Amino acid sequence: MLSILLQAQGNNWSFPIMMVLMFGILYFFMIRPQQKKAKDQKKFTEEIKKGDYVVTIGGVHGRVAEIEDDTFIIEVERGARIKFSKSAVSMESTKAAASKKPAA
């Protein structure tokens, strides 16, 4: 029992170093990629212009008919228009749909 207690008192720097390493790993593998993704999504929604083909998070496909402050009006079929928040546009789905869209 005494040997276990003596081993626990041995190196006082091992625990703080381990915690710093764990936080560094957490930051570079979880926090930083999420921040980059949020920044890219914000840039994407700011660059959308009238006439762009978009897909919402809910799966609605259409072209941007009008842009307001924080909303889009998307034309979906034969003049039908739906108003969406800018945050409802999915960057990944829009890129995938644009690459599969037939050339007109």
C-alpha atoms as a PDB file:
ATOM      1  CA  MET A   1       0.000   0.000   0.000  1.00  0.00           C
ATOM      2  CA  LEU A   2       2.836   2.368   0.850  1.00  0.00           C
ATOM      3  CA  SER A   3       4.476   1.789  -2.535  1.00  0.00           C
ATOM      4  CA  ILE A   4       1.291   2.911  -4.344  1.00  0.00           C
ATOM      5  CA  LEU A   5       1.176   6.127  -2.323  1.00  0.00           C
ATOM      6  CA  LEU A   6       4.852   6.806  -2.989  1.00  0.00           C
ATOM      7  CA  GLN A   7       4.357   6.321  -6.744  1.00  0.00           C
ATOM      8  CA  ALA A   8       1.441   8.777  -6.752  1.00  0.00           C
ATOM      9  CA  GLN A   9       3.642  11.477  -5.199  1.00  0.00           C
ATOM     10  CA  GLY A  10       6.505  10.921  -7.638  1.00  0.00           C
ATOM     11  CA  ASN A  11       6.150  13.309 -10.600  1.00  0.00           C
ATOM     12  CA  ASN A  12       4.159  16.485  -9.961  1.00  0.00           C
ATOM     13  CA  TRP A  13       4.258  17.623 -13.601  1.00  0.00           C
ATOM     14  CA  SER A  14       2.729  14.565 -15.248  1.00  0.00           C
ATOM     15  CA  PHE A  15      -0.926  15.484 -14.573  1.00  0.00           C
ATOM     16  CA  PRO A  16      -0.774  19.114 -15.820  1.00  0.00           C
ATOM     17  CA  ILE A  17       1.166  18.054 -18.912  1.00  0.00           C
ATOM     18  CA  MET A  18      -1.398  15.334 -19.640  1.00  0.00           C
ATOM     19  CA  MET A  19      -4.263  17.827 -19.263  1.00  0.00           C
ATOM     20  CA  VAL A  20      -2.607  20.323 -21.634  1.00  0.00           C
ATOM     21  CA  LEU A  21      -2.035  17.578 -24.204  1.00  0.00           C
ATOM     22  CA  MET A  22      -5.638  16.416 -23.931  1.00  0.00           C
ATOM     23  CA  PHE A  23      -6.953  19.960 -24.376  1.00  0.00           C
ATOM     24  CA  GLY A  24      -4.655  20.453 -27.381  1.00  0.00           C
ATOM     25  CA  ILE A  25      -5.941  17.278 -29.005  1.00  0.00           C
ATOM     26  CA  LEU A  26      -9.536  18.281 -28.238  1.00  0.00           C
ATOM     27  CA  TYR A  27      -8.982  21.728 -29.748  1.00  0.00           C
ATOM     28  CA  PHE A  28      -7.317  20.572 -32.968  1.00  0.00           C
ATOM     29  CA  PHE A  29      -9.656  17.652 -33.657  1.00  0.00           C
ATOM     30  CA  MET A  30     -13.021  19.000 -32.463  1.00  0.00           C
ATOM     31  CA  ILE A  31     -13.219  22.735 -31.775  1.00  0.00           C
ATOM     32  CA  ARG A  32     -11.109  24.119 -34.636  1.00  0.00           C
ATOM     33  CA  PRO A  33     -12.827  22.121 -37.431  1.00  0.00           C
ATOM     34  CA  GLN A  34     -16.269  23.192 -36.153  1.00  0.00           C
ATOM     35  CA  GLN A  35     -15.214  26.846 -36.164  1.00  0.00           C
ATOM     36  CA  LYS A  36     -13.845  26.502 -39.705  1.00  0.00           C
ATOM     37  CA  LYS A  37     -17.055  24.840 -40.896  1.00  0.00           C
ATOM     38  CA  ALA A  38     -19.199  27.607 -39.359  1.00  0.00           C
ATOM     39  CA  LYS A  39     -17.003  30.271 -40.980  1.00  0.00           C
ATOM     40  CA  ASP A  40     -17.264  28.561 -44.400  1.00  0.00           C
ATOM     41  CA  GLN A  41     -21.057  28.236 -44.070  1.00  0.00           C
ATOM     42  CA  LYS A  42     -21.398  31.933 -43.210  1.00  0.00           C
ATOM     43  CA  LYS A  43     -19.203  32.915 -46.170  1.00  0.00           C
ATOM     44  CA  PHE A  44     -21.259  30.641 -48.445  1.00  0.00           C
ATOM     45  CA  THR A  45     -24.589  32.193 -47.429  1.00  0.00           C
ATOM     46  CA  GLU A  46     -23.196  35.711 -47.861  1.00  0.00           C
ATOM     47  CA  GLU A  47     -22.023  34.918 -51.415  1.00  0.00           C
ATOM     48  CA  ILE A  48     -25.347  33.512 -52.670  1.00  0.00           C
ATOM     49  CA  LYS A  49     -26.865  35.749 -55.315  1.00  0.00           C
ATOM     50  CA  LYS A  50     -30.120  35.944 -57.244  1.00  0.00           C
ATOM     51  CA  GLY A  51     -30.493  33.059 -59.691  1.00  0.00           C
ATOM     52  CA  ASP A  52     -28.292  30.578 -57.774  1.00  0.00           C
ATOM     53  CA  TYR A  53     -29.563  27.021 -57.397  1.00  0.00           C
ATOM     54  CA  VAL A  54     -29.801  26.046 -53.710  1.00  0.00           C
ATOM     55  CA  VAL A  55     -30.979  23.190 -51.518  1.00  0.00           C
ATOM     56  CA  THR A  56     -32.321  23.840 -48.030  1.00  0.00           C
ATOM     57  CA  ILE A  57     -31.551  21.731 -44.987  1.00  0.00           C
ATOM     58  CA  GLY A  58     -35.089  20.360 -45.278  1.00  0.00           C
ATOM     59  CA  GLY A  59     -34.464  19.199 -48.849  1.00  0.00           C
ATOM     60  CA  VAL A  60     -36.263  21.902 -50.860  1.00  0.00           C
ATOM     61  CA  HIS A  61     -34.577  22.505 -54.235  1.00  0.00           C
ATOM     62  CA  GLY A  62     -34.972  25.783 -56.097  1.00  0.00           C
ATOM     63  CA  ARG A  63     -33.489  28.998 -57.428  1.00  0.00           C
ATOM     64  CA  VAL A  64     -33.029  32.166 -55.411  1.00  0.00           C
ATOM     65  CA  ALA A  65     -35.618  34.656 -56.679  1.00  0.00           C
ATOM     66  CA  GLU A  66     -35.042  37.459 -54.155  1.00  0.00           C
ATOM     67  CA  ILE A  67     -32.616  38.214 -51.349  1.00  0.00           C
ATOM     68  CA  GLU A  68     -33.649  40.166 -48.289  1.00  0.00           C
ATOM     69  CA  ASP A  69     -31.702  40.992 -45.102  1.00  0.00           C
ATOM     70  CA  ASP A  70     -31.649  37.559 -43.490  1.00  0.00           C
ATOM     71  CA  THR A  71     -34.023  35.618 -45.755  1.00  0.00           C
ATOM     72  CA  PHE A  72     -34.224  34.235 -49.274  1.00  0.00           C
ATOM     73  CA  ILE A  73     -37.273  33.809 -51.435  1.00  0.00           C
ATOM     74  CA  ILE A  74     -36.756  30.582 -53.358  1.00  0.00           C
ATOM     75  CA  GLU A  75     -38.683  29.784 -56.525  1.00  0.00           C
ATOM     76  CA  VAL A  76     -39.371  26.068 -56.490  1.00  0.00           C
ATOM     77  CA  GLU A  77     -41.697  25.180 -59.383  1.00  0.00           C
ATOM     78  CA  ARG A  78     -43.552  27.210 -62.016  1.00  0.00           C
ATOM     79  CA  GLY A  79     -43.491  30.418 -60.046  1.00  0.00           C
ATOM     80  CA  ALA A  80     -44.193  28.964 -56.587  1.00  0.00           C
ATOM     81  CA  ARG A  81     -42.155  30.937 -54.061  1.00  0.00           C
ATOM     82  CA  ILE A  82     -41.170  30.035 -50.518  1.00  0.00           C
ATOM     83  CA  LYS A  83     -39.438  32.281 -47.995  1.00  0.00           C
ATOM     84  CA  PHE A  84     -36.518  30.731 -46.066  1.00  0.00           C
ATOM     85  CA  SER A  85     -34.003  31.939 -43.546  1.00  0.00           C
ATOM     86  CA  LYS A  86     -30.446  32.206 -44.878  1.00  0.00           C
ATOM     87  CA  SER A  87     -29.337  29.665 -42.289  1.00  0.00           C
ATOM     88  CA  ALA A  88     -31.657  27.058 -43.872  1.00  0.00           C
ATOM     89  CA  VAL A  89     -29.480  26.740 -46.995  1.00  0.00           C
ATOM     90  CA  SER A  90     -27.160  23.730 -46.886  1.00  0.00           C
ATOM     91  CA  MET A  91     -23.725  24.315 -48.382  1.00  0.00           C
ATOM     92  CA  GLU A  92     -22.960  20.610 -48.900  1.00  0.00           C
ATOM     93  CA  SER A  93     -26.312  19.763 -50.483  1.00  0.00           C
ATOM     94  CA  THR A  94     -26.142  22.780 -52.766  1.00  0.00           C
ATOM     95  CA  LYS A  95     -22.723  21.776 -54.106  1.00  0.00           C
ATOM     96  CA  ALA A  96     -23.826  18.150 -54.588  1.00  0.00           C
ATOM     97  CA  ALA A  97     -27.031  19.157 -56.355  1.00  0.00           C
ATOM     98  CA  ALA A  98     -25.200  21.632 -58.608  1.00  0.00           C
ATOM     99  CA  SER A  99     -22.746  18.942 -59.714  1.00  0.00           C
ATOM    100  CA  LYS A 100     -25.589  16.508 -60.583  1.00  0.00           C
ATOM    101  CA  LYS A 101     -27.790  19.163 -62.238  1.00  0.00           C
ATOM    102  CA  PRO A 102     -28.219  18.575 -66.003  1.00  0.00           C
ATOM    103  CA  ALA A 103     -26.813  21.285 -68.258  1.00  0.00           C
ATOM    104  CA  ALA A 104     -29.561  23.454 -69.743  1.00  0.00           C
END
